[in-house]
Amino acid sequence: MDNSGGTFIYRKMSMSTAFLSLNKSAIIMLIALLNARKTANLKDKKSKKTKPVFINIDSLEMPYVTLKKNWGLNQQAVSRAVDELLAKGFIEIVHQGGLGEHDKARYALIDDYQQWKPGNVFRSRNRDVRRGYQGRKIGASAKLAHKIIPLHTHQNHTLPKKEEYEKHTL
């Protein structure tokens, strides 16, 4: 991480109602996104002077690993921060990411935060991807194949035939 230079934050952003209501994780993530901007010096046609212009505000990559390593945020804090920044109009998700190590999430900085008022939600994350345990007991079964189970597994027992099994269960 390059420690030279600085991160520019517009006063209208830092003094807005939306910014002042952000939690700590959201502020850290927003600063990390602002820090990820790249500038290019463009010449003004009239005055022939160069001025810095941000060139990637619509495709900022911010992987969870970077936020954890450089900014001290865990995955849960990042999720909450993204949700809050979306809801208050600071960012939008350009690409969700998460399909592999090299599939990074990409965000765009937007200025909807200027119209934010308490209770407003500008955007929310798409949560249609389900991974992990879903609470449906998939793969777990409470029923046994047969009710008659040999007491000793080291002995050679044969399971009863279907007719005998039905006699015992009725």
Protein backbone atom coordinates (compact mmCIF):
# COMPACT_ATOMS: atom_id res chain seq x y z
CA MET A 1 0.00 0.00 0.00
CA ASP A 2 1.40 3.35 -1.07
CA ASN A 3 1.42 5.84 1.81
CA SER A 4 2.38 8.88 -0.26
CA GLY A 5 -0.21 11.42 -1.32
CA GLY A 6 -3.68 11.68 0.17
CA THR A 7 -7.34 11.00 -0.27
CA PHE A 8 -9.55 13.86 -1.38
CA ILE A 9 -13.06 14.06 0.11
CA TYR A 10 -15.46 16.78 -1.03
CA ARG A 11 -16.79 18.95 1.78
CA LYS A 12 -20.37 18.48 0.53
CA MET A 13 -19.89 14.74 1.10
CA SER A 14 -18.26 14.93 4.53
CA MET A 15 -20.84 17.43 5.84
CA SER A 16 -23.90 15.68 4.41
CA THR A 17 -26.57 14.16 6.65
CA ALA A 18 -25.95 10.76 5.08
CA PHE A 19 -22.20 10.81 5.82
CA LEU A 20 -22.68 11.99 9.39
CA SER A 21 -25.09 9.09 10.01
CA LEU A 22 -22.72 6.35 8.73
CA ASN A 23 -21.36 3.77 11.16
CA LYS A 24 -17.61 3.27 11.63
CA SER A 25 -17.30 0.35 9.19
CA ALA A 26 -19.15 2.21 6.44
CA ILE A 27 -16.92 5.28 6.88
CA ILE A 28 -13.78 3.11 6.71
CA MET A 29 -15.02 1.34 3.58
CA LEU A 30 -16.01 4.62 1.92
CA ILE A 31 -12.55 6.04 2.62
CA ALA A 32 -11.00 2.84 1.22
CA LEU A 33 -13.08 3.25 -1.96
CA LEU A 34 -12.14 6.93 -2.23
CA ASN A 35 -8.52 5.91 -1.77
CA ALA A 36 -8.83 3.38 -4.63
CA ARG A 37 -9.62 6.11 -7.16
CA LYS A 38 -7.01 6.76 -9.82
CA THR A 39 -6.26 10.14 -11.29
CA ALA A 40 -5.05 11.28 -14.65
CA ASN A 41 -3.81 14.73 -15.54
CA LEU A 42 -5.91 16.12 -18.35
CA LYS A 43 -5.10 19.32 -20.24
CA ASP A 44 -7.72 22.02 -20.36
CA LYS A 45 -8.18 23.11 -23.99
CA LYS A 46 -8.65 26.78 -23.21
CA SER A 47 -6.03 27.47 -20.54
CA LYS A 48 -3.68 24.63 -21.54
CA LYS A 49 -3.17 23.80 -17.87
CA THR A 50 -3.38 20.29 -16.53
CA LYS A 51 -5.74 19.30 -13.76
CA PRO A 52 -6.21 15.93 -12.06
CA VAL A 53 -9.39 14.03 -12.91
CA PHE A 54 -10.63 10.78 -11.35
CA ILE A 55 -10.84 8.15 -14.09
CA ASN A 56 -12.18 4.99 -12.43
CA ILE A 57 -15.02 6.10 -10.14
CA ASP A 58 -17.40 3.77 -11.96
CA SER A 59 -15.30 0.59 -11.55
CA LEU A 60 -13.57 0.56 -8.16
CA GLU A 61 -12.36 -2.90 -7.13
CA MET A 62 -12.36 -3.55 -3.41
CA PRO A 63 -11.79 -7.20 -2.40
CA TYR A 64 -12.61 -8.42 1.11
CA VAL A 65 -8.99 -9.48 1.56
CA THR A 66 -7.78 -5.90 1.06
CA LEU A 67 -10.39 -4.52 3.43
CA LYS A 68 -9.36 -7.05 6.07
CA LYS A 69 -5.59 -6.72 5.65
CA ASN A 70 -5.22 -2.96 5.10
CA TRP A 71 -8.30 -1.53 6.78
CA GLY A 72 -9.05 -4.01 9.60
CA LEU A 73 -12.61 -4.92 8.57
CA ASN A 74 -13.94 -8.47 8.89
CA GLN A 75 -16.41 -9.98 6.43
CA GLN A 76 -19.48 -9.19 8.54
CA ALA A 77 -18.41 -5.55 8.94
CA VAL A 78 -17.86 -5.26 5.18
CA SER A 79 -21.33 -6.69 4.47
CA ARG A 80 -22.95 -4.20 6.83
CA ALA A 81 -20.87 -1.36 5.38
CA VAL A 82 -21.83 -2.22 1.79
CA ASP A 83 -25.51 -2.41 2.76
CA GLU A 84 -25.36 0.98 4.47
CA LEU A 85 -23.41 2.69 1.66
CA LEU A 86 -25.92 1.33 -0.87
CA ALA A 87 -28.92 2.39 1.17
CA LYS A 88 -27.63 5.92 1.75
CA GLY A 89 -26.64 6.53 -1.88
CA PHE A 90 -22.83 6.57 -1.76
CA ILE A 91 -22.16 3.54 -3.98
CA GLU A 92 -23.78 1.13 -6.38
CA ILE A 93 -22.63 -2.36 -7.25
CA VAL A 94 -21.34 -2.62 -10.81
CA HIS A 95 -20.35 -6.30 -10.50
CA GLN A 96 -21.29 -8.55 -7.56
CA GLY A 97 -18.14 -10.73 -7.70
CA GLY A 98 -17.54 -13.69 -5.42
CA LEU A 99 -17.44 -16.49 -7.99
CA GLY A 100 -13.76 -17.18 -7.44
CA GLU A 101 -10.53 -15.74 -6.16
CA HIS A 102 -10.09 -13.44 -9.15
CA ASP A 103 -13.74 -12.35 -9.42
CA LYS A 104 -13.62 -9.14 -7.40
CA ALA A 105 -16.60 -6.99 -6.52
CA ARG A 106 -16.67 -3.65 -8.37
CA TYR A 107 -18.38 -0.54 -7.09
CA ALA A 108 -19.22 2.87 -8.54
CA LEU A 109 -19.24 6.07 -6.49
CA ILE A 110 -22.49 8.01 -6.89
CA ASP A 111 -23.87 11.18 -5.34
CA ASP A 112 -27.41 10.20 -4.35
CA TYR A 113 -26.35 10.76 -0.72
CA GLN A 114 -27.09 14.47 -1.24
CA GLN A 115 -30.85 13.73 -1.32
CA TRP A 116 -30.80 11.16 1.51
CA LYS A 117 -33.09 11.64 4.50
CA PRO A 118 -33.52 9.28 7.49
CA GLY A 119 -35.73 6.39 6.45
CA ASN A 120 -34.81 6.53 2.74
CA VAL A 121 -33.22 3.51 1.06
CA PHE A 122 -31.75 4.17 -2.37
CA ARG A 123 -30.43 0.67 -3.17
CA SER A 124 -30.11 -2.75 -1.60
CA ARG A 125 -28.03 -5.78 -2.41
CA ASN A 126 -29.38 -8.59 -4.55
CA ARG A 127 -29.50 -11.58 -2.22
CA ASP A 128 -30.66 -14.34 -4.56
CA VAL A 129 -27.48 -16.41 -4.29
CA ARG A 130 -27.81 -19.00 -1.52
CA ARG A 131 -24.82 -20.87 -0.26
CA GLY A 132 -24.22 -23.09 2.72
CA TYR A 133 -26.79 -24.42 5.16
CA GLN A 134 -30.33 -23.37 4.23
CA GLY A 135 -32.23 -24.87 7.17
CA ARG A 136 -33.94 -27.57 5.13
CA LYS A 137 -32.15 -30.57 6.69
CA ILE A 138 -30.89 -31.57 3.26
CA GLY A 139 -28.91 -34.76 3.54
CA ALA A 140 -30.14 -35.54 7.03
CA SER A 141 -32.80 -38.17 7.47
CA ALA A 142 -34.60 -39.17 10.65
CA LYS A 143 -35.98 -42.40 9.19
CA LEU A 144 -34.05 -45.62 9.27
CA ALA A 145 -34.05 -48.03 6.36
CA HIS A 146 -35.14 -50.93 8.59
CA LYS A 147 -36.41 -51.01 12.12
CA ILE A 148 -34.69 -54.29 12.88
CA ILE A 149 -30.98 -53.68 13.24
CA PRO A 150 -28.51 -56.35 14.35
CA LEU A 151 -27.23 -55.80 17.88
CA HIS A 152 -23.68 -56.80 17.06
CA THR A 153 -22.23 -55.53 13.84
CA HIS A 154 -19.37 -58.00 13.95
CA GLN A 155 -21.77 -60.95 13.60
CA ASN A 156 -23.07 -62.10 10.26
CA HIS A 157 -26.78 -61.22 10.27
CA THR A 158 -29.01 -60.95 7.28
CA LEU A 159 -31.76 -58.41 7.17
CA PRO A 160 -35.31 -59.83 7.13
CA LYS A 161 -37.18 -60.19 3.86
CA LYS A 162 -39.81 -57.61 2.97
CA GLU A 163 -42.74 -59.85 4.07
CA GLU A 164 -41.21 -60.53 7.49
CA TYR A 165 -40.42 -56.88 7.92
CA GLU A 166 -44.05 -55.90 7.21
CA LYS A 167 -45.31 -58.48 9.78
CA HIS A 168 -43.19 -56.89 12.52
CA THR A 169 -44.18 -53.31 11.70
CA LEU A 170 -47.98 -53.82 11.53
